[in-house]
N, C-alpha and C. Protein backbone atom coordinates (compact mmCIF):
# COMPACT_ATOMS: atom_id res chain seq x y z
N UNK A 1 0.81 -1.19 0.13
CA UNK A 1 -0.24 -0.14 0.17
C UNK A 1 0.75 1.18 -0.12
N UNK A 2 1.81 1.29 0.50
CA UNK A 2 2.95 2.24 0.77
C UNK A 2 3.43 3.05 -0.76
N UNK A 3 4.10 1.24 -0.82
CA UNK A 3 4.34 1.57 -2.49
C UNK A 3 3.28 2.28 -3.16
N UNK A 4 1.98 1.58 -3.40
CA UNK A 4 1.43 2.43 -4.30
C UNK A 4 1.10 4.44 -3.83
N UNK A 5 1.31 4.39 -2.63
CA UNK A 5 0.77 5.90 -2.35
C UNK A 5 2.04 6.46 -3.01
N UNK A 6 3.53 5.96 -2.69
CA UNK A 6 4.66 6.56 -3.28
C UNK A 6 4.30 7.04 -4.43
N UNK A 7 3.87 5.58 -5.26
CA UNK A 7 4.09 6.06 -6.96
C UNK A 7 2.93 6.98 -7.36
N UNK A 8 1.87 7.00 -6.62
CA UNK A 8 0.87 8.00 -7.11
C UNK A 8 1.14 9.48 -6.85
N UNK A 9 2.36 9.75 -5.71
CA UNK A 9 2.85 10.74 -5.15
C UNK A 9 3.66 11.29 -6.56
N UNK A 10 4.67 10.07 -6.84
CA UNK A 10 5.70 10.36 -7.68
C UNK A 10 4.79 10.87 -8.92
N UNK A 11 4.00 10.39 -9.40
CA UNK A 11 3.24 10.90 -10.71
C UNK A 11 2.73 12.27 -10.66
N UNK A 12 2.28 12.56 -9.57
CA UNK A 12 1.50 13.84 -9.67
C UNK A 12 2.63 14.86 -9.41
N UNK A 13 3.86 14.59 -8.71
CA UNK A 13 5.15 15.23 -9.07
C UNK A 13 5.19 16.05 -10.13
N UNK A 14 5.74 14.23 -10.80
CA UNK A 14 6.21 14.75 -12.15
C UNK A 14 5.06 15.57 -13.05
N UNK A 15 4.16 15.47 -12.92
CA UNK A 15 3.10 16.01 -13.46
C UNK A 15 2.82 17.41 -13.18
N UNK A 16 3.06 17.67 -12.07
CA UNK A 16 3.22 19.03 -11.19
C UNK A 16 4.47 19.87 -12.23
N UNK A 17 5.77 19.30 -11.95
CA UNK A 17 6.89 19.95 -12.56
C UNK A 17 6.60 20.51 -14.05
N UNK A 18 5.77 19.55 -14.77
CA UNK A 18 5.75 18.98 -15.95
C UNK A 18 5.22 20.59 -16.32
N UNK A 19 3.85 20.53 -15.72
CA UNK A 19 2.96 22.05 -15.85
C UNK A 19 4.01 22.81 -15.67
N UNK A 20 4.64 22.87 -14.84
CA UNK A 20 5.34 24.38 -14.27
C UNK A 20 6.28 24.96 -15.42
N UNK A 21 6.60 23.89 -15.62
CA UNK A 21 7.70 24.08 -16.85
C UNK A 21 7.34 24.90 -17.94
N UNK A 22 5.64 24.24 -18.53
CA UNK A 22 4.92 24.90 -19.86
C UNK A 22 4.33 26.29 -19.48
N UNK A 23 3.96 25.80 -17.72
CA UNK A 23 3.54 27.62 -17.42
C UNK A 23 4.97 28.74 -17.56
N UNK A 24 5.97 28.31 -17.18
CA UNK A 24 6.65 28.99 -17.18
C UNK A 24 7.64 29.46 -18.64
N UNK A 25 7.31 28.56 -19.62
CA UNK A 25 7.55 28.67 -21.14
C UNK A 25 6.61 29.83 -21.72
N UNK A 26 5.58 29.81 -20.93
CA UNK A 26 4.46 30.22 -22.05
C UNK A 26 4.50 31.65 -21.37
N UNK A 27 4.58 32.13 -19.97
CA UNK A 27 4.93 33.04 -19.72
C UNK A 27 5.88 34.00 -20.22
N UNK A 28 7.20 33.40 -20.19
CA UNK A 28 8.45 33.59 -20.29
C UNK A 28 8.65 34.63 -22.25
N UNK A 29 7.66 33.32 -23.00
CA UNK A 29 7.70 34.01 -24.25
C UNK A 29 9.46 34.20 -24.86
N UNK A 30 9.97 33.04 -24.59
CA UNK A 30 11.34 33.46 -25.22
C UNK A 30 11.70 32.39 -25.94
N UNK A 31 10.63 31.66 -26.95
CA UNK A 31 11.31 30.78 -28.15
C UNK A 31 12.28 31.14 -29.09
N UNK A 32 12.19 32.45 -29.18
CA UNK A 32 12.96 33.38 -29.90
C UNK A 32 14.70 32.84 -29.52
N UNK A 33 14.65 32.53 -28.29
CA UNK A 33 16.21 32.36 -27.78
C UNK A 33 16.43 30.88 -27.75
N UNK A 34 15.92 30.02 -28.67
CA UNK A 34 16.10 28.50 -28.59
C UNK A 34 16.22 28.16 -29.68
N UNK A 35 16.67 26.89 -30.00
CA UNK A 35 17.02 26.23 -31.36
C UNK A 35 15.10 26.15 -32.14
N UNK A 36 14.81 25.83 -30.92
CA UNK A 36 13.06 25.65 -31.50
C UNK A 36 12.66 26.85 -32.87
N UNK A 37 13.28 28.26 -32.98
CA UNK A 37 13.06 29.31 -33.51
C UNK A 37 13.05 28.51 -35.40
N UNK A 38 14.12 28.04 -35.10
CA UNK A 38 14.47 27.56 -36.63
C UNK A 38 13.26 27.04 -37.63
N UNK A 39 12.70 25.84 -36.27
CA UNK A 39 11.93 25.28 -37.52
C UNK A 39 10.41 25.88 -37.10
N UNK A 40 10.38 26.71 -35.96
CA UNK A 40 9.21 27.48 -36.33
C UNK A 40 9.02 28.32 -37.63
N UNK A 41 10.09 28.66 -37.61
CA UNK A 41 10.47 29.91 -38.53
C UNK A 41 10.28 29.03 -40.23
N UNK A 42 10.72 27.76 -39.74
CA UNK A 42 10.48 27.00 -41.58
C UNK A 42 9.22 26.62 -42.03
N UNK A 43 8.56 26.38 -40.46
CA UNK A 43 7.15 25.95 -40.76
C UNK A 43 6.52 27.18 -41.32
N UNK A 44 6.55 28.44 -40.52
CA UNK A 44 5.98 29.49 -41.30
C UNK A 44 6.04 29.54 -43.03
N UNK A 45 7.39 29.84 -42.89
CA UNK A 45 7.28 30.00 -44.46
C UNK A 45 6.93 29.03 -45.25
N UNK A 46 7.13 27.72 -45.01
CA UNK A 46 6.58 26.67 -45.40
C UNK A 46 4.78 26.93 -46.18
N UNK A 47 4.23 27.11 -45.41
CA UNK A 47 3.06 27.42 -44.92
C UNK A 47 2.22 28.53 -45.70
N UNK A 48 3.29 29.85 -45.79
CA UNK A 48 2.83 30.55 -46.82
C UNK A 48 3.53 30.69 -47.98
N UNK A 49 4.23 29.88 -48.29
CA UNK A 49 4.86 29.34 -49.82
C UNK A 49 6.09 30.24 -49.81
N UNK A 50 6.67 30.47 -48.53
CA UNK A 50 8.39 30.99 -48.81
C UNK A 50 9.37 30.02 -48.99
N UNK A 51 10.50 30.30 -49.14
CA UNK A 51 11.73 29.62 -49.05
C UNK A 51 12.15 29.18 -47.65
N UNK A 52 12.03 27.93 -46.81
CA UNK A 52 12.34 27.85 -45.39
C UNK A 52 13.68 27.91 -45.19
N UNK A 53 14.82 27.74 -46.19
CA UNK A 53 16.15 28.06 -46.36
C UNK A 53 16.48 29.51 -46.57
N UNK A 54 15.75 30.52 -46.87
CA UNK A 54 16.07 31.86 -47.67
C UNK A 54 16.35 32.99 -46.29
N UNK A 55 17.63 32.89 -46.20
CA UNK A 55 18.47 33.85 -44.85
C UNK A 55 17.41 34.91 -44.76
N UNK A 56 17.37 35.91 -45.37
CA UNK A 56 16.54 37.14 -45.33
C UNK A 56 14.99 37.02 -44.23
N UNK A 57 14.50 36.39 -45.26
CA UNK A 57 12.84 35.63 -44.75
C UNK A 57 12.83 35.65 -43.51
N UNK A 58 13.81 34.12 -43.11
CA UNK A 58 14.05 33.67 -41.89
C UNK A 58 14.48 34.27 -40.61
N UNK A 59 15.33 35.82 -41.04
CA UNK A 59 15.73 36.03 -39.77
C UNK A 59 14.90 37.41 -39.92
N UNK A 60 13.91 37.78 -40.93
CA UNK A 60 13.09 38.63 -40.08
C UNK A 60 11.57 37.89 -39.40
N UNK A 61 11.57 36.80 -39.57
CA UNK A 61 10.87 35.80 -38.65
C UNK A 61 11.35 35.48 -37.32
N UNK A 62 12.45 35.47 -37.04
CA UNK A 62 13.23 35.45 -35.92
C UNK A 62 13.55 36.50 -35.21
N UNK A 63 13.77 37.67 -35.70
CA UNK A 63 13.90 38.88 -34.98
C UNK A 63 12.33 39.59 -34.23
N UNK A 64 11.07 38.89 -35.26
CA UNK A 64 9.98 39.53 -35.10
C UNK A 64 9.86 38.56 -33.72
N UNK A 65 10.80 37.47 -33.30
CA UNK A 65 10.29 36.82 -32.26
C UNK A 65 11.10 36.93 -30.90
N UNK A 66 12.08 38.07 -31.01
CA UNK A 66 12.83 38.22 -29.94
C UNK A 66 14.49 37.07 -29.97
N UNK A 67 14.55 37.13 -31.69
CA UNK A 67 15.96 36.20 -31.66
C UNK A 67 17.02 37.42 -31.60
N UNK A 68 18.34 37.34 -30.66
CA UNK A 68 19.29 37.82 -30.47
C UNK A 68 20.31 38.12 -31.42
N UNK A 69 20.36 37.59 -32.47
CA UNK A 69 21.55 37.05 -33.49
C UNK A 69 21.51 37.89 -34.34
N UNK A 70 22.98 38.18 -34.96
CA UNK A 70 22.51 38.74 -36.55
C UNK A 70 22.38 37.54 -37.57
N UNK A 71 23.16 36.61 -37.51
CA UNK A 71 22.45 35.55 -38.59
C UNK A 71 21.64 34.61 -38.19
N UNK A 72 20.91 34.17 -39.17
CA UNK A 72 19.72 33.31 -38.70
C UNK A 72 19.74 31.90 -38.35
N UNK A 73 19.24 31.47 -37.72
CA UNK A 73 19.12 30.21 -37.48
C UNK A 73 18.13 29.36 -38.32
N UNK A 74 18.93 28.90 -39.62
CA UNK A 74 18.22 28.22 -40.42
C UNK A 74 18.01 26.73 -40.45
N UNK A 75 17.11 26.35 -40.36
CA UNK A 75 16.64 24.67 -40.17
C UNK A 75 18.20 23.83 -41.08
N UNK A 76 18.77 23.49 -40.48
CA UNK A 76 19.45 22.97 -41.50
C UNK A 76 19.48 20.90 -41.57
N UNK A 77 17.98 20.88 -41.88
CA UNK A 77 17.62 19.52 -41.94
C UNK A 77 17.32 19.65 -43.69
N UNK A 78 17.61 17.86 -44.17
CA UNK A 78 17.40 18.24 -45.37
C UNK A 78 15.52 18.57 -45.79
N UNK A 79 15.45 18.83 -47.21
CA UNK A 79 14.05 19.23 -47.56
C UNK A 79 12.74 17.87 -46.91
N UNK A 80 13.77 16.67 -46.77
CA UNK A 80 13.23 15.73 -46.72
C UNK A 80 12.41 16.14 -45.01
N UNK A 81 12.33 16.34 -44.27
CA UNK A 81 12.69 16.69 -43.13
C UNK A 81 11.44 17.95 -42.66
N UNK A 82 11.39 18.36 -43.71
CA UNK A 82 10.14 19.70 -43.39
C UNK A 82 9.41 19.21 -43.06
N UNK A 83 8.46 18.24 -43.69
CA UNK A 83 7.09 17.77 -42.43
C UNK A 83 7.00 17.80 -41.33
N UNK A 84 8.34 18.02 -40.55
CA UNK A 84 8.03 18.18 -39.19
C UNK A 84 8.04 19.24 -39.13
N UNK A 85 8.25 20.21 -39.64
CA UNK A 85 8.26 21.84 -39.24
C UNK A 85 7.13 22.30 -39.78
N UNK A 86 6.35 22.01 -40.34
CA UNK A 86 5.06 22.35 -41.34
C UNK A 86 3.86 22.85 -40.36
N UNK A 87 3.55 21.52 -39.31
CA UNK A 87 2.60 22.08 -38.28
C UNK A 87 2.55 23.24 -37.55
N UNK A 88 4.26 23.92 -37.14
CA UNK A 88 4.18 25.00 -36.79
C UNK A 88 4.14 25.88 -37.54
N UNK A 89 3.79 26.42 -38.65
CA UNK A 89 3.32 27.06 -38.95
C UNK A 89 2.02 27.82 -39.27
N UNK A 90 1.07 26.76 -38.46
CA UNK A 90 -0.35 26.86 -38.00
C UNK A 90 -0.64 27.77 -36.67
N UNK A 91 0.59 27.60 -36.25
CA UNK A 91 0.25 27.89 -34.36
C UNK A 91 1.35 29.29 -34.59
N UNK A 92 1.01 30.49 -33.27
CA UNK A 92 2.07 31.36 -32.81
C UNK A 92 3.38 30.74 -32.47
N UNK A 93 4.62 31.64 -32.41
CA UNK A 93 6.33 30.81 -32.15
C UNK A 93 5.56 30.48 -30.80
N UNK A 94 5.19 31.11 -29.78
CA UNK A 94 4.53 30.39 -28.48
C UNK A 94 4.10 29.00 -27.92
N UNK A 95 3.08 28.92 -28.49
CA UNK A 95 2.29 28.05 -28.52
C UNK A 95 2.78 26.50 -29.22
N UNK A 96 3.49 26.94 -30.38
CA UNK A 96 4.53 26.06 -30.87
C UNK A 96 5.52 25.32 -30.39
N UNK A 97 5.91 26.50 -29.51
CA UNK A 97 7.07 25.78 -28.58
C UNK A 97 6.88 25.00 -27.73
N UNK A 98 5.49 25.25 -27.00
CA UNK A 98 5.01 24.12 -26.09
C UNK A 98 4.33 22.90 -26.90
N UNK A 99 4.02 23.01 -27.98
CA UNK A 99 3.58 21.75 -28.87
C UNK A 99 4.61 21.24 -29.35
N UNK A 100 5.66 21.65 -29.87
CA UNK A 100 6.85 20.91 -30.01
C UNK A 100 7.77 20.37 -28.95
N UNK A 101 7.73 20.91 -27.83
CA UNK A 101 7.82 20.09 -26.53
C UNK A 101 7.54 18.20 -25.93
N UNK A 102 5.78 19.13 -26.08
CA UNK A 102 5.35 17.94 -25.66
C UNK A 102 5.60 16.60 -26.73
N UNK A 103 5.35 17.55 -27.89
CA UNK A 103 5.65 15.98 -29.22
C UNK A 103 7.28 15.36 -28.78
N UNK A 104 8.19 16.01 -28.27
CA UNK A 104 9.39 15.82 -28.08
C UNK A 104 9.19 14.76 -26.86
N UNK A 105 8.67 15.15 -26.02
CA UNK A 105 8.62 14.50 -24.57
C UNK A 105 7.35 13.31 -25.06
N UNK A 106 6.97 13.21 -25.48
CA UNK A 106 6.21 11.64 -26.36
C UNK A 106 6.95 11.08 -27.06
N UNK A 107 7.66 11.84 -27.99
CA UNK A 107 8.96 11.03 -28.60
C UNK A 107 9.41 9.92 -27.51
N UNK A 108 9.92 10.65 -26.58
CA UNK A 108 11.39 10.59 -25.64
C UNK A 108 10.30 9.25 -24.80
N UNK A 109 8.71 9.29 -24.11
CA UNK A 109 8.15 8.43 -23.95
C UNK A 109 8.45 7.39 -24.58
N UNK A 110 7.91 6.95 -25.89
CA UNK A 110 8.03 6.06 -26.47
C UNK A 110 9.29 5.19 -26.94
N UNK A 111 10.14 6.00 -26.92
CA UNK A 111 11.40 5.62 -26.94
C UNK A 111 12.43 4.56 -26.15
N UNK A 112 11.90 5.16 -24.87
CA UNK A 112 12.40 4.73 -23.92
C UNK A 112 11.23 3.19 -23.48
N UNK A 113 10.21 3.45 -23.98
CA UNK A 113 9.46 2.43 -23.37
C UNK A 113 9.83 1.00 -24.59
N UNK A 114 10.09 0.99 -25.87
CA UNK A 114 11.05 0.45 -26.79
C UNK A 114 11.92 0.19 -26.42
N UNK A 115 12.94 0.65 -25.83
CA UNK A 115 14.51 0.29 -25.31
C UNK A 115 14.38 -0.37 -24.39
N UNK A 116 12.99 -0.45 -23.20
CA UNK A 116 12.81 -1.23 -22.06
C UNK A 116 12.39 -2.54 -22.69
N UNK A 117 11.58 -2.58 -23.63
CA UNK A 117 10.77 -3.84 -24.33
C UNK A 117 11.97 -4.65 -24.98
N UNK A 118 12.57 -4.01 -25.99
CA UNK A 118 13.96 -4.75 -26.48
C UNK A 118 14.91 -5.43 -25.82
N UNK A 119 15.23 -4.42 -24.43
CA UNK A 119 16.14 -5.49 -23.38
C UNK A 119 15.16 -6.67 -22.46
N UNK A 120 13.92 -6.97 -22.81
CA UNK A 120 13.28 -8.10 -22.35
C UNK A 120 12.40 -7.82 -21.10
N UNK A 121 12.09 -6.59 -21.15
CA UNK A 121 11.57 -6.16 -20.11
C UNK A 121 11.68 -6.30 -18.70
N UNK A 122 13.36 -5.93 -18.29
CA UNK A 122 13.74 -6.37 -16.98
C UNK A 122 12.93 -5.92 -15.81
N UNK A 123 12.83 -6.62 -14.57
CA UNK A 123 12.01 -6.28 -13.56
C UNK A 123 12.46 -5.04 -12.78
N UNK A 124 13.41 -4.24 -12.99
CA UNK A 124 13.93 -3.51 -11.93
C UNK A 124 14.10 -2.30 -12.99
N UNK A 125 13.81 -1.32 -12.81
CA UNK A 125 13.35 -0.07 -13.29
C UNK A 125 14.66 1.28 -13.53
N UNK A 126 15.99 0.56 -13.90
CA UNK A 126 16.92 1.43 -14.30
C UNK A 126 16.57 1.83 -15.75
N UNK A 127 15.80 1.65 -16.13
CA UNK A 127 15.28 2.12 -18.05
C UNK A 127 15.07 3.62 -17.33
N UNK A 128 14.63 3.67 -16.39
CA UNK A 128 13.60 4.98 -15.67
C UNK A 128 15.00 6.35 -15.98
N UNK A 129 16.03 5.97 -15.64
CA UNK A 129 17.49 6.84 -15.63
C UNK A 129 17.50 7.56 -17.02
N UNK A 130 16.73 7.16 -17.62
CA UNK A 130 16.92 7.38 -19.55
C UNK A 130 16.24 8.95 -19.14
N UNK A 131 15.03 9.28 -18.44
CA UNK A 131 14.71 10.03 -18.80
C UNK A 131 15.74 11.30 -17.92
N UNK A 132 16.29 11.30 -17.16
CA UNK A 132 17.46 11.65 -16.27
C UNK A 132 18.70 12.27 -17.23
N UNK A 133 18.72 11.33 -18.42
CA UNK A 133 19.96 12.00 -19.24
C UNK A 133 20.27 13.18 -19.44
N UNK A 134 20.99 13.97 -19.01
CA UNK A 134 21.32 15.55 -19.16
C UNK A 134 21.24 15.80 -20.94
N UNK A 135 21.87 15.20 -21.89
CA UNK A 135 21.57 15.84 -23.80
C UNK A 135 20.27 15.86 -23.57
N UNK A 136 19.58 14.95 -23.12
CA UNK A 136 18.12 14.58 -23.65
C UNK A 136 17.63 15.70 -23.41
N UNK A 137 17.65 16.13 -21.95
CA UNK A 137 16.73 17.01 -21.51
C UNK A 137 16.75 18.93 -22.11
N UNK A 138 18.34 18.65 -22.51
CA UNK A 138 18.76 19.87 -23.02
C UNK A 138 17.84 20.03 -24.74
N UNK A 139 17.96 18.61 -25.45
CA UNK A 139 17.17 18.77 -26.60
C UNK A 139 16.39 19.34 -26.46
N UNK A 140 15.48 18.62 -25.19
CA UNK A 140 13.80 19.44 -25.12
C UNK A 140 14.24 20.49 -25.07
N UNK A 141 14.77 21.14 -23.91
CA UNK A 141 14.67 22.55 -23.87
C UNK A 141 15.22 23.46 -24.88
N UNK A 142 15.80 22.97 -25.43
CA UNK A 142 16.36 23.95 -26.62
C UNK A 142 15.38 23.68 -27.90
N UNK A 143 14.56 23.34 -27.96
CA UNK A 143 13.59 22.23 -28.72
C UNK A 143 14.84 21.77 -30.10
N UNK A 144 15.48 21.17 -29.75
CA UNK A 144 16.17 20.18 -31.26
C UNK A 144 15.44 18.91 -31.79
N UNK A 145 15.62 18.72 -32.63
CA UNK A 145 15.54 17.68 -33.45
C UNK A 145 15.93 16.34 -33.56
N UNK A 146 16.81 15.93 -32.11
CA UNK A 146 17.80 14.96 -32.16
C UNK A 146 16.93 14.23 -31.73
N UNK A 147 15.86 14.22 -30.82
CA UNK A 147 14.93 13.29 -30.41
C UNK A 147 14.29 12.48 -31.15
N UNK A 148 13.96 12.78 -32.35
CA UNK A 148 13.43 12.21 -33.26
C UNK A 148 14.39 11.34 -33.88
N UNK A 149 15.65 11.51 -33.73
CA UNK A 149 16.44 10.05 -34.60
C UNK A 149 16.08 9.41 -33.18
N UNK A 150 16.00 9.49 -32.49
CA UNK A 150 16.06 8.47 -31.46
C UNK A 150 14.75 7.49 -31.66
N UNK A 151 13.88 8.51 -31.77
CA UNK A 151 12.58 7.91 -31.86
C UNK A 151 12.46 6.81 -33.08
N UNK A 152 13.46 7.17 -34.26
CA UNK A 152 13.34 6.61 -35.06
C UNK A 152 14.12 4.97 -35.05
N UNK A 153 15.39 5.42 -34.46
CA UNK A 153 16.20 4.13 -34.21
C UNK A 153 15.90 2.91 -33.28
N UNK A 154 14.65 3.40 -32.45
CA UNK A 154 14.12 2.71 -31.61
C UNK A 154 13.31 1.97 -31.78
N UNK A 155 12.42 1.91 -32.58
CA UNK A 155 11.43 1.26 -33.02
C UNK A 155 11.92 0.32 -34.40
N UNK A 156 13.45 0.94 -34.79
CA UNK A 156 14.01 -0.27 -35.77
C UNK A 156 14.50 -1.22 -34.91
N UNK A 157 15.33 -1.06 -34.09
CA UNK A 157 15.70 -2.04 -33.38
C UNK A 157 14.65 -2.73 -32.60
N UNK A 158 13.39 -2.56 -32.75
CA UNK A 158 12.55 -3.17 -31.87
C UNK A 158 12.09 -4.56 -32.87
N UNK A 159 11.81 -4.00 -33.60
CA UNK A 159 10.76 -4.68 -35.05
C UNK A 159 12.21 -5.03 -36.06
C-alpha cells in the first residue's frame, strides 16, 4: 500500500513539475532564444509559400520573435524533414514551442519504452534513468530535433 501511494505521489509530482515548466515557457515567451525558432520559422515560411532556407526571410521572422543574433538559425535538415516543421506554421511561436516540447516528450516516452521492451522488460526500473539523461533534457529545452532520431532508431531495433 505504501509503495502504491509513493508511486501516485511521484506521478503527481512529475506532472506538476511538467505543468510548471510549460507555464514558465508560456509566460516567458522566449521561443526566439532557443533552437526551436529555426523549425518554427521554417514552418511559417512553408505555410505561406516561402523558402524555409532563405536567409533574409528567416531572419525577419526570428527577429520578430526576439531572436538576439544577426545570423539566422536556418533549419539545417534536408527538405525531407520539412514535414516535421510544417505544422508549426499554423500556430504562433509560443504555442508552437509548447506543442513542440510536448511532441519531443512523447517521442522520448515512446523511445524509452521501446528500449525497455528490446531489453526483455527487466523487472528493475533502471530504464527510468533514461529520462534523467542530461543531453536528452537539453534537446527538449532547446527544441532540437535529435530526439526524432532516437524515435526512429528505437523502433528500428524493436521491430
